[in-house]
Every structure is written in C-alpha cells, then in structure tokens.
Amino acid sequence: MIHYVAPELGTNALGEYLESIGRGLVGRVRVIDYDTLLGSSEFAAGAYILSGIDQLDSVTQNRLGELCGQFAGAPQLRVLNSPRETLLRSDLLAALHREGFNIHRAVRATDSLRHLTFPVFIREEHGHEGNLSPLLLTPWQVDAELGVLMARGYRLRDLRVIEFLDTSDQAGFYRTYGAFVVGGEVVPQFLSYGRHWMLKSGGTEFSPAMLLEERRYVLENPHEQALRRIFDLTKTGYGRIDYSLRGGAIETWEINLNPTIGWSFQSARDGVPEELRNLREPTRWHFARRFQAALEAVDCPGDPVRFTPDSPSVVRQRLHLLPGAVERGSKHAILKRFLRPVKPLTFVLARLLLPLYFRIRRWWL
C-alpha cells in the first residue's frame, strides 16, 4: 500500500490524479491527512509519502519526526520526505547556493540585504504562487514592499527576498522545467515557455515548436543525473522541482513537496489551444506511465506494525493562508473587518512608516 499523507486542505493534490489517469492505482494508494496518521497506533506496511511537510508547524513536525524514528526500525515501512532530513525552502536554497548548484541567493525578509545582488523579488516561504512583488531595484523598495505585504496580512517571518537571475534566451523567452522525484526515480512532467520572468503554467505561450521541445524533454529526461544529485543533497524522496537553465546549468527555484498532478490530464484546464492538444497527448501519457511505475516501485510488502504512542496525538496544523485569507472567527478576521473602511489609509502608512522601521532594524544587523 502507498500512503499519501498531506495537510488536511492539501489532500486533493493527488486526488485529481487518482480520479483521472491514475484510476489504475485505486486500491493501492490511500490518501490521508496528518491528523489520521499521528492519531494511529497501527500502521499498514508500505511507503508513506509525507507531502507538504513545509506547511506543518514545528509541533507537528517534531511529532512526525518521532514517528519516523519509530518507522526506521520496521523495514516494511518506508518513508519518503522525513521532517528531520528533508530540506525545506530556505535551507534548501541556502544549501544549493553553498554547494554550487545555484547562483542566485535567498534570505529571510528580516535578514540583512547587503550581500544580495539587485534586482530582487519577494515570495513566501511556504506558498507556491510565485512572486509577491515586481522586481525591486533597491533595499528601500524592498522595505516599502514588505510594508505593503504586511498590511495585506502576510507575516514578515514567512517572507523571503530572492535574487533575480535572468535565464531568458536570445529571443527573450524564459523556460521553466518541472520534474518529479518518486523514491529516487526522476520523472519529467512539463516545460513552461514564455516571456515573463516568473513563469507559471498560465503564462506559457503554446506553439507546435514549444510542444515538441517539451516532448523531447519529457521523453529524453536530459537532466536526470544532475537532478538526482540535487534530490540526494536535499533528501527529497517525493516532490516536484521547478528549475531553469542558465548556461546549461540547472538553477533551482523550489521543490514543491505537495505538487498537483491532475492538471496534466485535464485538457480544458491546461491552457493548450484546441488545435494543439493532440500534439501534447504523447507527452502526457508518457509522464503518466512513468509516474505510475515510480509510485508502484516504492511500495513495500509486509505485516502491519503497531506502536505505542509516547503521548496523545498533538496536531496543530498551520496551513499557509493565501494573501487576504484568514481563519473565520479568528481575532485576526474580526480586526480586519473592523479596519476595512480605513484599509486604503493602512497601505499609505505602510509605505511611509514600515520602510523606516526596516531601515533602522537592518542598520543594527
């Protein structure tokens, strides 16, 4: 059995796949949340894919680490993504730069910016939505933008400042590659191709030449060995790496530990024009077959294992909230409703006052 464990609101990441092209794995894959896993005392044999561990708070990560330590004594229980080993985004980017895999650097929003090369942009530690700011040319612009983001509800400790790296070709096109790792198997999924520096699937400019280039990438897996070294360094057993090439070398932007899969098989949602969809079908089916084979290969047979919990399950999941989203009924939500009429004024004050605060704070660093 393959046990796909995800934060409660992230269990659909694999669900769409199982409802579409992955129906052949129904009965072999069980999708559960961390409440269910940490509340259990008996565990069926198989592979436990711990997805989205970067979205769990420290209490849950520590409890999960203790459980993985117990799993280590049972060969019929295999863990992919141990919270005590797998590098999360900040540590991952720092390690990749330190080891010479990445040119660009990333720092926490509270850290000094003096060693960064501008321009830079801001994104979240736990989110996968891309940039939260335009390209910023000076530390003062960074501080002003951080103030606006805090006024929008973002927490400073969740924000990172990332160096921009131009990976466009001579015609001005950027490419972002996406490849899964599943228990050591590297499975390319897609190629995004467009003129915007932060390239997501929605910004891809589809053409016959681009789709044929994507097919070659997915079928030939040209970066397999280099990607394997990155996954080994970061101790990632399951996830999807998003990266670009600069001078033929890989530049990693992130490794998503709970990536969606189903969009690859939903023709109405993938953005490909109707007249080009047939051209992409061989690419999607090749990925589907390789991804399913990689999942099947991580399974482990054996008898169930029973553990006596050290303490009652303590699970306090802190799922990432999108910009402007708050928990209903929370004090934060009540305060935001109360302040809504003066919201425009808060943005003005944020732009004027918070940069001064950051400037003074950084002066002491």
Protein backbone atom coordinates (compact mmCIF):
# COMPACT_ATOMS: atom_id res chain seq x y z
CA MET A 1 0.00 0.00 0.00
CA ILE A 2 1.13 3.56 -0.79
CA HIS A 3 0.06 6.02 1.90
CA TYR A 4 -0.03 9.61 0.65
CA VAL A 5 -0.10 11.85 3.72
CA ALA A 6 -0.94 15.54 3.32
CA PRO A 7 -2.17 18.53 5.32
CA GLU A 8 -5.95 18.42 5.57
CA LEU A 9 -6.51 21.05 2.87
CA GLY A 10 -3.87 19.53 0.57
CA THR A 11 -5.16 16.01 0.06
CA ASN A 12 -6.57 16.91 -3.37
CA ALA A 13 -3.06 17.25 -4.81
CA LEU A 14 -3.04 13.53 -5.58
CA GLY A 15 -6.83 13.16 -5.61
CA GLU A 16 -7.31 14.55 -9.11
CA TYR A 17 -4.68 12.17 -10.44
CA LEU A 18 -6.43 9.16 -8.91
CA GLU A 19 -9.75 10.32 -10.33
CA SER A 20 -8.35 10.61 -13.86
CA ILE A 21 -5.36 8.83 -15.35
CA GLY A 22 -4.35 7.28 -12.03
CA ARG A 23 -7.51 5.20 -11.61
CA GLY A 24 -5.42 2.06 -12.05
CA LEU A 25 -3.85 2.75 -8.64
CA VAL A 26 -7.16 3.00 -6.78
CA GLY A 27 -6.96 0.43 -4.00
CA ARG A 28 -3.17 0.67 -3.87
CA VAL A 29 -2.96 4.32 -2.85
CA ARG A 30 -4.54 5.69 0.31
CA VAL A 31 -4.77 9.47 0.79
CA ILE A 32 -4.91 10.57 4.44
CA ASP A 33 -4.18 13.69 6.47
CA TYR A 34 -1.68 14.16 9.28
CA ASP A 35 -4.37 14.03 11.97
CA THR A 36 -5.18 10.50 10.89
CA LEU A 37 -1.55 9.40 10.69
CA LEU A 38 -0.48 10.83 14.03
CA GLY A 39 -3.62 9.55 15.74
CA SER A 40 -2.88 5.94 14.74
CA SER A 41 -1.12 3.22 16.68
CA GLU A 42 -1.17 0.52 13.97
CA PHE A 43 0.40 1.15 10.59
CA ALA A 44 -0.10 -0.90 7.44
CA ALA A 45 3.03 -1.87 5.53
CA GLY A 46 4.03 0.21 2.56
CA ALA A 47 5.51 3.55 1.54
CA TYR A 48 4.49 6.65 3.48
CA ILE A 49 4.82 9.74 1.28
CA LEU A 50 4.92 12.71 3.66
CA SER A 51 3.86 15.56 1.44
CA GLY A 52 3.58 19.23 2.33
CA ILE A 53 5.72 18.95 5.48
CA ASP A 54 6.77 22.56 4.92
CA GLN A 55 3.15 23.55 5.70
CA LEU A 56 3.17 21.98 9.17
CA ASP A 57 4.05 23.86 12.33
CA SER A 58 7.00 22.90 14.50
CA VAL A 59 4.89 20.90 16.96
CA THR A 60 3.54 18.68 14.21
CA GLN A 61 6.93 18.36 12.52
CA ASN A 62 8.53 17.24 15.79
CA ARG A 63 5.78 14.70 16.46
CA LEU A 64 6.13 13.44 12.90
CA GLY A 65 9.89 13.17 13.30
CA GLU A 66 9.41 10.99 16.38
CA LEU A 67 7.08 8.72 14.43
CA CYS A 68 9.56 8.43 11.54
CA GLY A 69 12.19 7.42 14.08
CA GLN A 70 9.95 4.53 15.10
CA PHE A 71 9.35 3.64 11.44
CA ALA A 72 13.11 3.29 10.93
CA GLY A 73 13.08 0.02 12.87
CA ALA A 74 10.49 -1.58 10.59
CA PRO A 75 11.74 -2.48 7.06
CA GLN A 76 8.17 -2.83 5.77
CA LEU A 77 7.56 0.87 6.48
CA ARG A 78 9.27 3.21 4.02
CA VAL A 79 9.25 6.99 4.50
CA LEU A 80 9.63 9.49 1.66
CA ASN A 81 10.40 13.01 2.99
CA SER A 82 11.49 12.78 6.60
CA PRO A 83 10.88 16.03 8.51
CA ARG A 84 14.25 15.54 10.22
CA GLU A 85 16.17 15.23 6.95
CA THR A 86 14.34 16.82 4.01
CA LEU A 87 15.42 20.43 3.44
CA LEU A 88 12.64 22.99 3.27
CA ARG A 89 12.76 26.06 1.06
CA SER A 90 15.08 28.44 2.95
CA ASP A 91 17.53 25.72 3.95
CA LEU A 92 17.21 24.13 0.53
CA LEU A 93 18.12 27.29 -1.40
CA ALA A 94 20.94 28.06 1.03
CA ALA A 95 22.39 24.56 0.61
CA LEU A 96 22.11 24.67 -3.19
CA HIS A 97 23.95 28.01 -3.31
CA ARG A 98 26.58 26.86 -0.82
CA GLU A 99 27.27 23.65 -2.75
CA GLY A 100 27.50 25.43 -6.11
CA PHE A 101 24.21 24.23 -7.60
CA ASN A 102 22.55 27.66 -7.58
CA ILE A 103 23.91 31.08 -8.49
CA HIS A 104 21.06 33.09 -7.00
CA ARG A 105 20.65 33.59 -3.28
CA ALA A 106 17.68 33.97 -0.95
CA VAL A 107 17.43 35.49 2.52
CA ARG A 108 14.71 35.91 5.10
CA ALA A 109 12.94 39.26 4.99
CA THR A 110 14.31 40.05 8.46
CA ASP A 111 17.94 39.44 7.40
CA SER A 112 20.47 41.90 6.04
CA LEU A 113 20.23 42.63 2.32
CA ARG A 114 23.76 43.98 1.94
CA HIS A 115 25.15 40.84 0.30
CA LEU A 116 22.37 40.48 -2.27
CA THR A 117 22.69 41.45 -5.92
CA PHE A 118 19.78 43.57 -7.15
CA PRO A 119 17.18 43.35 -8.60
CA VAL A 120 15.36 41.05 -6.20
CA PHE A 121 11.76 39.99 -5.58
CA ILE A 122 9.70 38.79 -2.63
CA ARG A 123 7.91 35.48 -2.27
CA GLU A 124 6.59 33.29 0.53
CA GLU A 125 8.42 30.57 2.39
CA HIS A 126 5.53 28.11 2.22
CA GLY A 127 3.50 29.23 -0.79
CA HIS A 128 3.90 28.22 -4.43
CA GLU A 129 2.19 31.16 -6.11
CA GLY A 130 5.39 32.74 -7.37
CA ASN A 131 6.41 36.35 -6.82
CA LEU A 132 4.54 38.65 -4.45
CA SER A 133 6.31 41.74 -5.75
CA PRO A 134 7.69 43.13 -9.00
CA LEU A 135 11.44 43.25 -9.43
CA LEU A 136 12.85 45.60 -6.80
CA LEU A 137 15.97 47.67 -7.50
CA THR A 138 16.96 48.99 -4.06
CA PRO A 139 16.74 47.99 -0.38
CA TRP A 140 14.35 50.90 0.14
CA GLN A 141 11.95 49.43 -2.44
CA VAL A 142 12.19 46.06 -0.70
CA ASP A 143 11.28 47.59 2.66
CA ALA A 144 8.37 49.54 1.15
CA GLU A 145 7.02 46.39 -0.50
CA LEU A 146 7.39 44.41 2.73
CA GLY A 147 5.29 47.04 4.48
CA VAL A 148 2.52 46.70 1.91
CA LEU A 149 2.58 42.90 2.17
CA MET A 150 2.32 43.09 5.97
CA ALA A 151 -0.66 45.42 5.60
CA ARG A 152 -2.23 42.78 3.34
CA GLY A 153 -1.92 40.19 6.10
CA TYR A 154 1.39 38.47 5.35
CA ARG A 155 3.66 37.67 8.26
CA LEU A 156 7.18 39.03 7.99
CA ARG A 157 8.72 35.74 9.13
CA ASP A 158 7.07 33.94 6.20
CA LEU A 159 8.57 36.21 3.52
CA ARG A 160 11.83 35.73 1.63
CA VAL A 161 13.85 38.09 -0.58
CA ILE A 162 15.16 36.30 -3.69
CA GLU A 163 17.79 37.42 -6.16
CA PHE A 164 16.55 37.68 -9.74
CA LEU A 165 18.51 35.69 -12.30
CA ASP A 166 17.93 36.26 -16.00
CA THR A 167 17.57 32.85 -17.69
CA SER A 168 15.97 34.07 -20.93
CA ASP A 169 17.28 33.07 -24.34
CA GLN A 170 18.37 35.45 -27.09
CA ALA A 171 14.76 35.87 -28.23
CA GLY A 172 13.64 36.89 -24.75
CA PHE A 173 11.88 33.64 -23.82
CA TYR A 174 12.11 32.06 -20.38
CA ARG A 175 11.81 28.32 -19.73
CA THR A 176 10.77 26.60 -16.52
CA TYR A 177 11.11 22.83 -16.28
CA GLY A 178 9.19 20.61 -13.86
CA ALA A 179 10.28 17.10 -12.84
CA PHE A 180 9.09 14.75 -10.10
CA VAL A 181 11.17 12.59 -7.86
CA VAL A 182 9.45 9.46 -6.55
CA GLY A 183 11.66 7.33 -4.36
CA GLY A 184 14.78 8.12 -6.38
CA GLU A 185 13.16 7.97 -9.82
CA VAL A 186 13.29 11.26 -11.74
CA VAL A 187 10.17 11.77 -13.89
CA PRO A 188 9.98 14.95 -16.05
CA GLN A 189 6.49 16.40 -16.27
CA PHE A 190 6.34 19.68 -18.20
CA LEU A 191 8.07 22.64 -19.79
CA SER A 192 6.67 26.16 -19.42
CA TYR A 193 7.76 28.68 -22.03
CA GLY A 194 7.02 32.40 -22.14
CA ARG A 195 8.24 35.98 -21.93
CA HIS A 196 7.57 36.70 -18.23
CA TRP A 197 10.44 36.20 -15.81
CA MET A 198 8.18 34.45 -13.25
CA LEU A 199 6.84 31.73 -15.45
CA LYS A 200 3.87 29.65 -14.35
CA SER A 201 1.75 27.34 -16.49
CA GLY A 202 -0.82 30.10 -17.03
CA GLY A 203 1.80 32.29 -18.74
CA THR A 204 3.01 29.62 -21.16
CA GLU A 205 2.91 30.55 -24.87
CA PHE A 206 1.98 27.35 -26.67
CA SER A 207 3.16 26.60 -30.18
CA PRO A 208 3.96 23.42 -32.14
CA ALA A 209 7.71 24.04 -31.68
CA MET A 210 7.30 24.54 -27.91
CA LEU A 211 5.21 21.37 -27.50
CA LEU A 212 7.75 19.32 -29.45
CA GLU A 213 10.52 20.75 -27.27
CA GLU A 214 8.51 19.76 -24.19
CA ARG A 215 8.03 16.25 -25.60
CA ARG A 216 11.77 15.81 -26.10
CA TYR A 217 12.40 16.96 -22.55
CA VAL A 218 9.85 14.57 -21.02
CA LEU A 219 10.85 11.57 -23.15
CA GLU A 220 14.62 12.01 -23.02
CA ASN A 221 14.97 13.17 -19.38
CA PRO A 222 18.18 15.04 -20.25
CA HIS A 223 18.90 16.43 -16.76
CA GLU A 224 18.29 13.21 -14.83
CA GLN A 225 21.74 12.80 -13.29
CA ALA A 226 22.03 16.43 -12.19
CA LEU A 227 18.53 16.38 -10.72
CA ARG A 228 19.29 13.16 -8.88
CA ARG A 229 22.26 14.87 -7.20
CA ILE A 230 20.02 17.75 -6.12
CA PHE A 231 17.40 15.41 -4.68
CA ASP A 232 20.12 13.46 -2.86
CA LEU A 233 21.56 16.67 -1.39
CA THR A 234 18.16 17.91 -0.22
CA LYS A 235 16.99 14.46 0.97
CA THR A 236 13.80 14.75 -1.08
CA GLY A 237 12.05 11.44 -1.65
CA TYR A 238 8.90 12.86 -3.22
CA GLY A 239 8.14 16.22 -4.79
CA ARG A 240 8.50 18.29 -7.94
CA ILE A 241 11.46 20.50 -8.69
CA ASP A 242 10.87 23.69 -10.70
CA TYR A 243 14.03 24.93 -12.36
CA SER A 244 15.56 26.80 -15.30
CA LEU A 245 18.81 26.51 -17.21
CA ARG A 246 21.49 29.18 -17.34
CA GLY A 247 24.48 28.39 -19.48
CA GLY A 248 23.37 24.75 -19.49
CA ALA A 249 23.44 24.54 -15.66
CA ILE A 250 20.39 23.95 -13.50
CA GLU A 251 19.07 26.81 -11.39
CA THR A 252 16.51 25.54 -8.87
CA TRP A 253 13.65 27.82 -7.83
CA GLU A 254 11.85 25.45 -5.48
CA ILE A 255 10.96 21.86 -4.70
CA ASN A 256 7.21 21.57 -4.13
CA LEU A 257 6.55 18.79 -1.61
CA ASN A 258 2.82 18.59 -2.34
CA PRO A 259 2.51 19.30 -6.08
CA THR A 260 -0.67 18.91 -8.07
CA ILE A 261 -0.72 16.32 -10.82
CA GLY A 262 -4.24 16.20 -12.21
CA TRP A 263 -3.94 19.35 -14.32
CA SER A 264 -1.71 17.42 -16.72
CA PHE A 265 -4.67 15.29 -17.71
CA GLN A 266 -7.47 17.84 -17.73
CA SER A 267 -7.37 19.19 -21.30
CA ALA A 268 -9.79 22.00 -20.53
CA ARG A 269 -7.52 23.32 -17.78
CA ASP A 270 -4.01 23.00 -19.16
CA GLY A 271 -4.25 26.10 -21.35
CA VAL A 272 -3.29 24.30 -24.57
CA PRO A 273 -5.27 25.58 -27.59
CA GLU A 274 -7.75 23.09 -29.00
CA GLU A 275 -5.86 22.70 -32.27
CA LEU A 276 -2.63 21.74 -30.42
CA ARG A 277 -3.97 19.30 -27.83
CA ASN A 278 -3.33 16.18 -29.86
CA LEU A 279 0.30 17.23 -30.16
CA ARG A 280 0.66 17.13 -26.39
CA GLU A 281 -1.07 13.79 -25.78
CA PRO A 282 2.04 11.57 -26.22
CA THR A 283 3.90 13.75 -23.68
CA ARG A 284 1.16 13.48 -21.06
CA TRP A 285 0.74 9.74 -21.48
CA HIS A 286 4.48 9.13 -21.25
CA PHE A 287 4.60 11.05 -17.96
CA ALA A 288 1.53 9.19 -16.69
CA ARG A 289 3.06 5.76 -17.32
CA ARG A 290 6.41 6.67 -15.77
CA PHE A 291 4.83 8.35 -12.76
CA GLN A 292 2.59 5.35 -12.04
CA ALA A 293 5.51 2.93 -12.41
CA ALA A 294 7.59 5.04 -10.00
CA LEU A 295 4.78 5.03 -7.43
CA GLU A 296 4.33 1.28 -7.71
CA ALA A 297 8.07 0.75 -7.25
CA VAL A 298 8.19 2.43 -3.81
CA ASP A 299 5.61 0.09 -2.28
CA CYS A 300 6.75 -2.32 0.44
CA PRO A 301 5.01 -5.61 1.34
CA GLY A 302 4.75 -6.90 4.88
CA ASP A 303 2.65 -7.14 8.00
CA PRO A 304 1.16 -4.17 9.88
CA VAL A 305 3.25 -2.65 12.64
CA ARG A 306 1.88 -1.47 15.99
CA PHE A 307 3.48 1.30 18.01
CA THR A 308 2.53 2.54 21.45
CA PRO A 309 2.27 6.33 21.18
CA ASP A 310 4.55 8.23 23.55
CA SER A 311 1.75 10.70 24.15
CA PRO A 312 -1.72 11.53 22.79
CA SER A 313 -1.70 12.89 19.27
CA VAL A 314 -0.87 16.57 19.28
CA VAL A 315 -1.57 18.05 15.88
CA ARG A 316 -1.81 21.81 15.35
CA GLN A 317 -1.58 22.28 11.62
CA ARG A 318 -0.83 25.81 10.47
CA LEU A 319 -1.68 25.70 6.81
CA HIS A 320 -0.43 28.50 4.62
CA LEU A 321 -3.05 31.20 4.10
CA LEU A 322 -3.22 32.91 0.73
CA PRO A 323 -2.97 36.71 0.66
CA GLY A 324 -6.02 38.18 2.38
CA ALA A 325 -7.28 34.83 3.68
CA VAL A 326 -7.83 34.42 7.41
CA GLU A 327 -9.49 31.86 9.65
CA ARG A 328 -13.17 32.56 10.15
CA GLY A 329 -14.00 33.78 13.63
CA SER A 330 -10.36 34.45 14.49
CA LYS A 331 -9.32 37.65 16.22
CA HIS A 332 -7.38 38.50 13.05
CA ALA A 333 -10.57 38.24 10.97
CA ILE A 334 -12.57 40.39 13.39
CA LEU A 335 -9.85 43.05 13.38
CA LYS A 336 -9.68 43.06 9.57
CA ARG A 337 -13.46 43.57 9.29
CA PHE A 338 -13.29 46.42 11.78
CA LEU A 339 -10.44 48.13 9.89
CA ARG A 340 -11.82 47.55 6.37
CA PRO A 341 -13.15 51.13 5.97
CA VAL A 342 -9.67 52.55 6.59
CA LYS A 343 -7.83 49.92 4.55
CA PRO A 344 -6.59 52.41 1.88
CA LEU A 345 -5.04 54.50 4.65
CA THR A 346 -3.20 51.48 6.07
CA PHE A 347 -1.43 50.94 2.73
CA VAL A 348 -0.31 54.57 2.66
CA LEU A 349 1.00 54.37 6.22
CA ALA A 350 2.67 51.04 5.48
CA ARG A 351 4.57 52.54 2.57
CA LEU A 352 5.66 55.56 4.62
CA LEU A 353 6.43 54.16 8.09
CA LEU A 354 7.38 50.49 7.77
CA PRO A 355 10.36 51.15 5.46
CA LEU A 356 11.78 53.39 8.21
CA TYR A 357 11.32 50.60 10.72
CA PHE A 358 13.08 48.08 8.44
CA ARG A 359 15.86 50.55 7.70
CA ILE A 360 16.57 51.03 11.41
CA ARG A 361 16.31 47.30 12.06
CA ARG A 362 18.73 46.43 9.26
CA TRP A 363 21.16 49.09 10.47
CA TRP A 364 21.65 47.01 13.61
CA LEU A 365 22.26 43.74 11.70
